Amino acid sequence: MDFQVVVLAGGTSKNLVPLVSKEVPKALLPVASRPVISYVLEHLEQNNLKDLIFVVEGKDAALHVGGWISGAYVDRLHVEVAAVPEDVGTAGAIRAIAHHLTAEDILVVSGDLVSDVPPGAVVASHRRHGAAVTAVFCSAPVSGALESGSGGGKDKIKKPGRYDIIGRDTTKQFLLCIATG
């Protein structure tokens, strides 16, 4: 096997209640009238990545996600849905399915990814550079609650309290550290 694709599809995120439930896990939340995972599946299918492992937190959520995928992508994709315990986190989810991972290279994709970055190009770059890990990032605007200026002053955007810190080497080619500060 050349490489494997793992899609981290989450479960019934407590942060999204009441939008999610046991019947509608995060992966099936509609975005523009389509389940959010349909964007990931479409993107992978367009890039000829058709052998996927979907990791879903909770057995009920996994059944709903698997049922939707098998109905929407019948005979188009080979998808194995693996249920992992809830609240295990990203590393715990991958550790729980480690016995399924047999390829030398593993492509891990977020289940709510909407991107135009071709995964094949990411994999090609990874191999060309002999990288141990390749990560794709995008810049995100600083956003937060808008505070109204008192006494006719300007409105200010309140900065979020936490930031993701990404450390790269001086050539900006190698990832050295990822932390939340």
C-alpha atoms as a PDB file:
ATOM      1  CA  MET A   1       0.000   0.000   0.000  1.00  0.00           C
ATOM      2  CA  ASP A   2       1.410   3.379  -1.037  1.00  0.00           C
ATOM      3  CA  PHE A   3      -0.039   5.470   1.800  1.00  0.00           C
ATOM      4  CA  GLN A   4      -3.194   5.552   3.869  1.00  0.00           C
ATOM      5  CA  VAL A   5      -5.669   8.343   4.470  1.00  0.00           C
ATOM      6  CA  VAL A   6      -7.101   8.811   7.967  1.00  0.00           C
ATOM      7  CA  VAL A   7      -9.978  11.259   8.394  1.00  0.00           C
ATOM      8  CA  LEU A   8     -10.535  12.476  11.962  1.00  0.00           C
ATOM      9  CA  ALA A   9     -14.291  13.010  12.025  1.00  0.00           C
ATOM     10  CA  GLY A  10     -14.847  13.739  15.736  1.00  0.00           C
ATOM     11  CA  GLY A  11     -18.052  12.745  17.468  1.00  0.00           C
ATOM     12  CA  THR A  12     -20.777  14.694  19.227  1.00  0.00           C
ATOM     13  CA  SER A  13     -18.698  17.688  20.291  1.00  0.00           C
ATOM     14  CA  LYS A  14     -20.049  19.178  23.513  1.00  0.00           C
ATOM     15  CA  ASN A  15     -19.113  22.636  22.224  1.00  0.00           C
ATOM     16  CA  LEU A  16     -21.670  22.298  19.429  1.00  0.00           C
ATOM     17  CA  VAL A  17     -24.729  21.248  21.467  1.00  0.00           C
ATOM     18  CA  PRO A  18     -27.625  21.715  20.547  1.00  0.00           C
ATOM     19  CA  LEU A  19     -26.484  21.524  16.899  1.00  0.00           C
ATOM     20  CA  VAL A  20     -25.118  18.013  17.396  1.00  0.00           C
ATOM     21  CA  SER A  21     -26.716  14.972  18.975  1.00  0.00           C
ATOM     22  CA  LYS A  22     -26.352  11.198  18.922  1.00  0.00           C
ATOM     23  CA  GLU A  23     -28.356  11.230  15.670  1.00  0.00           C
ATOM     24  CA  VAL A  24     -26.439  14.167  14.124  1.00  0.00           C
ATOM     25  CA  PRO A  25     -22.738  13.974  14.999  1.00  0.00           C
ATOM     26  CA  LYS A  26     -20.367  16.815  14.136  1.00  0.00           C
ATOM     27  CA  ALA A  27     -19.308  15.168  10.850  1.00  0.00           C
ATOM     28  CA  LEU A  28     -22.902  15.288   9.589  1.00  0.00           C
ATOM     29  CA  LEU A  29     -23.596  18.919  10.490  1.00  0.00           C
ATOM     30  CA  PRO A  30     -24.902  20.688   7.402  1.00  0.00           C
ATOM     31  CA  VAL A  31     -22.736  23.377   5.822  1.00  0.00           C
ATOM     32  CA  ALA A  32     -24.446  24.950   2.803  1.00  0.00           C
ATOM     33  CA  SER A  33     -27.040  22.145   2.891  1.00  0.00           C
ATOM     34  CA  ARG A  34     -24.423  19.352   2.837  1.00  0.00           C
ATOM     35  CA  PRO A  35     -22.826  17.389   5.674  1.00  0.00           C
ATOM     36  CA  VAL A  36     -19.420  18.879   6.428  1.00  0.00           C
ATOM     37  CA  ILE A  37     -17.683  15.559   5.704  1.00  0.00           C
ATOM     38  CA  SER A  38     -19.000  15.623   2.133  1.00  0.00           C
ATOM     39  CA  TYR A  39     -16.486  18.379   1.344  1.00  0.00           C
ATOM     40  CA  VAL A  40     -13.591  16.245   2.599  1.00  0.00           C
ATOM     41  CA  LEU A  41     -14.849  13.146   0.787  1.00  0.00           C
ATOM     42  CA  GLU A  42     -15.347  15.056  -2.455  1.00  0.00           C
ATOM     43  CA  HIS A  43     -11.877  16.601  -2.237  1.00  0.00           C
ATOM     44  CA  LEU A  44     -10.217  13.240  -1.568  1.00  0.00           C
ATOM     45  CA  GLU A  45     -12.210  11.520  -4.317  1.00  0.00           C
ATOM     46  CA  GLN A  46     -11.281  14.235  -6.843  1.00  0.00           C
ATOM     47  CA  ASN A  47      -7.638  13.596  -5.979  1.00  0.00           C
ATOM     48  CA  ASN A  48      -8.052   9.836  -6.495  1.00  0.00           C
ATOM     49  CA  LEU A  49      -7.752   9.018  -2.791  1.00  0.00           C
ATOM     50  CA  LYS A  50     -10.471   6.441  -2.381  1.00  0.00           C
ATOM     51  CA  ASP A  51      -9.266   4.130   0.389  1.00  0.00           C
ATOM     52  CA  LEU A  52     -10.047   5.887   3.668  1.00  0.00           C
ATOM     53  CA  ILE A  53     -10.260   5.221   7.389  1.00  0.00           C
ATOM     54  CA  PHE A  54     -12.765   7.493   9.151  1.00  0.00           C
ATOM     55  CA  VAL A  55     -12.172   7.814  12.884  1.00  0.00           C
ATOM     56  CA  VAL A  56     -15.318   8.773  14.793  1.00  0.00           C
ATOM     57  CA  GLU A  57     -15.706   9.226  18.550  1.00  0.00           C
ATOM     58  CA  GLY A  58     -18.491   7.049  19.943  1.00  0.00           C
ATOM     59  CA  LYS A  59     -20.245   3.995  18.507  1.00  0.00           C
ATOM     60  CA  ASP A  60     -23.552   5.771  17.816  1.00  0.00           C
ATOM     61  CA  ALA A  61     -21.837   8.596  15.939  1.00  0.00           C
ATOM     62  CA  ALA A  62     -19.749   6.071  13.978  1.00  0.00           C
ATOM     63  CA  LEU A  63     -22.895   4.185  12.918  1.00  0.00           C
ATOM     64  CA  HIS A  64     -24.570   7.376  11.679  1.00  0.00           C
ATOM     65  CA  VAL A  65     -21.457   8.587   9.846  1.00  0.00           C
ATOM     66  CA  GLY A  66     -20.830   5.167   8.300  1.00  0.00           C
ATOM     67  CA  GLY A  67     -24.457   4.881   7.230  1.00  0.00           C
ATOM     68  CA  TRP A  68     -24.419   8.278   5.561  1.00  0.00           C
ATOM     69  CA  ILE A  69     -21.119   7.604   3.744  1.00  0.00           C
ATOM     70  CA  SER A  70     -22.208   4.182   2.480  1.00  0.00           C
ATOM     71  CA  GLY A  71     -25.435   5.687   1.115  1.00  0.00           C
ATOM     72  CA  ALA A  72     -23.878   8.761  -0.477  1.00  0.00           C
ATOM     73  CA  TYR A  73     -20.681   7.184  -1.825  1.00  0.00           C
ATOM     74  CA  VAL A  74     -21.764   3.625  -2.628  1.00  0.00           C
ATOM     75  CA  ASP A  75     -19.326   1.985  -5.098  1.00  0.00           C
ATOM     76  CA  ARG A  76     -17.225   5.171  -5.290  1.00  0.00           C
ATOM     77  CA  LEU A  77     -15.036   4.961  -2.192  1.00  0.00           C
ATOM     78  CA  HIS A  78     -13.755   2.283   0.151  1.00  0.00           C
ATOM     79  CA  VAL A  79     -14.313   3.701   3.626  1.00  0.00           C
ATOM     80  CA  GLU A  80     -13.712   1.914   6.891  1.00  0.00           C
ATOM     81  CA  VAL A  81     -15.323   3.663   9.869  1.00  0.00           C
ATOM     82  CA  ALA A  82     -13.569   3.071  13.174  1.00  0.00           C
ATOM     83  CA  ALA A  83     -15.280   3.999  16.439  1.00  0.00           C
ATOM     84  CA  VAL A  84     -12.983   5.194  19.213  1.00  0.00           C
ATOM     85  CA  PRO A  85     -13.892   6.185  22.780  1.00  0.00           C
ATOM     86  CA  GLU A  86     -15.178   9.723  23.269  1.00  0.00           C
ATOM     87  CA  ASP A  87     -12.826  12.472  24.409  1.00  0.00           C
ATOM     88  CA  VAL A  88      -9.613  10.601  23.514  1.00  0.00           C
ATOM     89  CA  GLY A  89      -8.220  13.532  21.546  1.00  0.00           C
ATOM     90  CA  THR A  90      -6.371  13.475  18.244  1.00  0.00           C
ATOM     91  CA  ALA A  91      -3.339  11.455  19.341  1.00  0.00           C
ATOM     92  CA  GLY A  92      -5.538   9.033  21.285  1.00  0.00           C
ATOM     93  CA  ALA A  93      -7.778   8.486  18.254  1.00  0.00           C
ATOM     94  CA  ILE A  94      -4.805   7.680  16.029  1.00  0.00           C
ATOM     95  CA  ARG A  95      -3.309   5.440  18.721  1.00  0.00           C
ATOM     96  CA  ALA A  96      -6.629   3.570  18.975  1.00  0.00           C
ATOM     97  CA  ILE A  97      -6.553   2.683  15.263  1.00  0.00           C
ATOM     98  CA  ALA A  98      -2.788   2.090  15.031  1.00  0.00           C
ATOM     99  CA  HIS A  99      -3.343  -1.596  14.236  1.00  0.00           C
ATOM    100  CA  HIS A 100      -5.085  -0.521  10.978  1.00  0.00           C
ATOM    101  CA  LEU A 101      -2.143   1.617   9.867  1.00  0.00           C
ATOM    102  CA  THR A 102       0.162  -0.477   7.727  1.00  0.00           C
ATOM    103  CA  ALA A 103       1.568   2.030   5.223  1.00  0.00           C
ATOM    104  CA  GLU A 104       4.853   3.846   5.643  1.00  0.00           C
ATOM    105  CA  ASP A 105       3.153   7.188   4.964  1.00  0.00           C
ATOM    106  CA  ILE A 106      -0.119   8.234   6.615  1.00  0.00           C
ATOM    107  CA  LEU A 107      -2.136  11.257   5.478  1.00  0.00           C
ATOM    108  CA  VAL A 108      -4.218  12.580   8.390  1.00  0.00           C
ATOM    109  CA  VAL A 109      -7.032  14.957   7.433  1.00  0.00           C
ATOM    110  CA  SER A 110      -9.501  16.820   9.620  1.00  0.00           C
ATOM    111  CA  GLY A 111     -13.114  15.796   9.058  1.00  0.00           C
ATOM    112  CA  ASP A 112     -14.207  19.425   8.769  1.00  0.00           C
ATOM    113  CA  LEU A 113     -11.478  20.472   6.327  1.00  0.00           C
ATOM    114  CA  VAL A 114     -12.580  22.627   3.411  1.00  0.00           C
ATOM    115  CA  SER A 115      -9.504  23.228   1.278  1.00  0.00           C
ATOM    116  CA  ASP A 116      -8.247  23.589  -2.255  1.00  0.00           C
ATOM    117  CA  VAL A 117      -4.765  22.265  -1.418  1.00  0.00           C
ATOM    118  CA  PRO A 118      -4.289  19.070  -3.461  1.00  0.00           C
ATOM    119  CA  PRO A 119      -3.388  16.246  -1.070  1.00  0.00           C
ATOM    120  CA  GLY A 120      -1.321  14.609  -3.806  1.00  0.00           C
ATOM    121  CA  ALA A 121       0.929  17.684  -3.915  1.00  0.00           C
ATOM    122  CA  VAL A 122       1.364  17.536  -0.136  1.00  0.00           C
ATOM    123  CA  VAL A 123       2.317  13.857  -0.304  1.00  0.00           C
ATOM    124  CA  ALA A 124       4.707  14.491  -3.228  1.00  0.00           C
ATOM    125  CA  SER A 125       6.431  17.292  -1.304  1.00  0.00           C
ATOM    126  CA  HIS A 126       6.639  15.089   1.780  1.00  0.00           C
ATOM    127  CA  ARG A 127       8.374  12.332  -0.159  1.00  0.00           C
ATOM    128  CA  ARG A 128      10.583  14.638  -2.222  1.00  0.00           C
ATOM    129  CA  HIS A 129      12.056  16.107   0.954  1.00  0.00           C
ATOM    130  CA  GLY A 130      12.209  12.804   2.849  1.00  0.00           C
ATOM    131  CA  ALA A 131      10.249  14.435   5.664  1.00  0.00           C
ATOM    132  CA  ALA A 132       9.304  12.693   8.881  1.00  0.00           C
ATOM    133  CA  VAL A 133       6.210  14.923   9.178  1.00  0.00           C
ATOM    134  CA  THR A 134       4.586  17.343   6.763  1.00  0.00           C
ATOM    135  CA  ALA A 135       1.928  19.780   7.969  1.00  0.00           C
ATOM    136  CA  VAL A 136      -0.260  22.185   6.023  1.00  0.00           C
ATOM    137  CA  PHE A 137      -1.191  25.435   7.734  1.00  0.00           C
ATOM    138  CA  CYS A 138      -3.046  28.555   6.734  1.00  0.00           C
ATOM    139  CA  SER A 139      -2.999  31.949   8.308  1.00  0.00           C
ATOM    140  CA  ALA A 140      -6.096  32.824  10.260  1.00  0.00           C
ATOM    141  CA  PRO A 141      -7.243  36.337  10.972  1.00  0.00           C
ATOM    142  CA  VAL A 142      -7.204  37.405  14.592  1.00  0.00           C
ATOM    143  CA  SER A 143     -10.828  37.632  15.597  1.00  0.00           C
ATOM    144  CA  GLY A 144     -12.713  38.058  18.762  1.00  0.00           C
ATOM    145  CA  ALA A 145     -15.558  39.897  20.381  1.00  0.00           C
ATOM    146  CA  LEU A 146     -16.081  43.461  19.257  1.00  0.00           C
ATOM    147  CA  GLU A 147     -15.859  45.947  22.089  1.00  0.00           C
ATOM    148  CA  SER A 148     -17.680  49.199  21.629  1.00  0.00           C
ATOM    149  CA  GLY A 149     -15.595  52.252  22.428  1.00  0.00           C
ATOM    150  CA  SER A 150     -17.020  54.319  25.251  1.00  0.00           C
ATOM    151  CA  GLY A 151     -17.627  57.982  24.682  1.00  0.00           C
ATOM    152  CA  GLY A 152     -17.643  57.829  20.887  1.00  0.00           C
ATOM    153  CA  GLY A 153     -14.268  56.088  20.562  1.00  0.00           C
ATOM    154  CA  LYS A 154     -13.436  53.521  17.940  1.00  0.00           C
ATOM    155  CA  ASP A 155     -14.633  49.941  18.222  1.00  0.00           C
ATOM    156  CA  LYS A 156     -11.824  47.558  19.087  1.00  0.00           C
ATOM    157  CA  ILE A 157     -11.509  43.869  18.430  1.00  0.00           C
ATOM    158  CA  LYS A 158     -10.732  41.990  21.596  1.00  0.00           C
ATOM    159  CA  LYS A 159      -7.881  39.564  20.962  1.00  0.00           C
ATOM    160  CA  PRO A 160      -8.393  35.914  21.869  1.00  0.00           C
ATOM    161  CA  GLY A 161      -6.700  34.718  25.032  1.00  0.00           C
ATOM    162  CA  ARG A 162      -4.904  31.720  23.480  1.00  0.00           C
ATOM    163  CA  TYR A 163      -2.738  31.344  20.403  1.00  0.00           C
ATOM    164  CA  ASP A 164      -1.295  28.420  18.512  1.00  0.00           C
ATOM    165  CA  ILE A 165       2.475  28.725  18.398  1.00  0.00           C
ATOM    166  CA  ILE A 166       4.242  27.086  15.487  1.00  0.00           C
ATOM    167  CA  GLY A 167       8.031  26.947  15.519  1.00  0.00           C
ATOM    168  CA  ARG A 168       9.959  26.475  12.272  1.00  0.00           C
ATOM    169  CA  ASP A 169      13.663  26.436  11.522  1.00  0.00           C
ATOM    170  CA  THR A 170      15.368  29.496  10.007  1.00  0.00           C
ATOM    171  CA  THR A 171      14.784  28.215   6.464  1.00  0.00           C
ATOM    172  CA  LYS A 172      11.057  27.883   7.275  1.00  0.00           C
ATOM    173  CA  GLN A 173      11.086  24.368   5.844  1.00  0.00           C
ATOM    174  CA  PHE A 174      11.059  22.295   9.015  1.00  0.00           C
ATOM    175  CA  LEU A 175       8.477  22.188  11.789  1.00  0.00           C
ATOM    176  CA  LEU A 176      10.178  22.275  15.176  1.00  0.00           C
ATOM    177  CA  CYS A 177       7.340  22.806  17.644  1.00  0.00           C
ATOM    178  CA  ILE A 178       3.572  23.220  17.931  1.00  0.00           C
ATOM    179  CA  ALA A 179       2.081  24.510  21.169  1.00  0.00           C
ATOM    180  CA  THR A 180      -0.881  26.456  22.417  1.00  0.00           C
ATOM    181  CA  GLY A 181       0.010  29.455  24.507  1.00  0.00           C
END
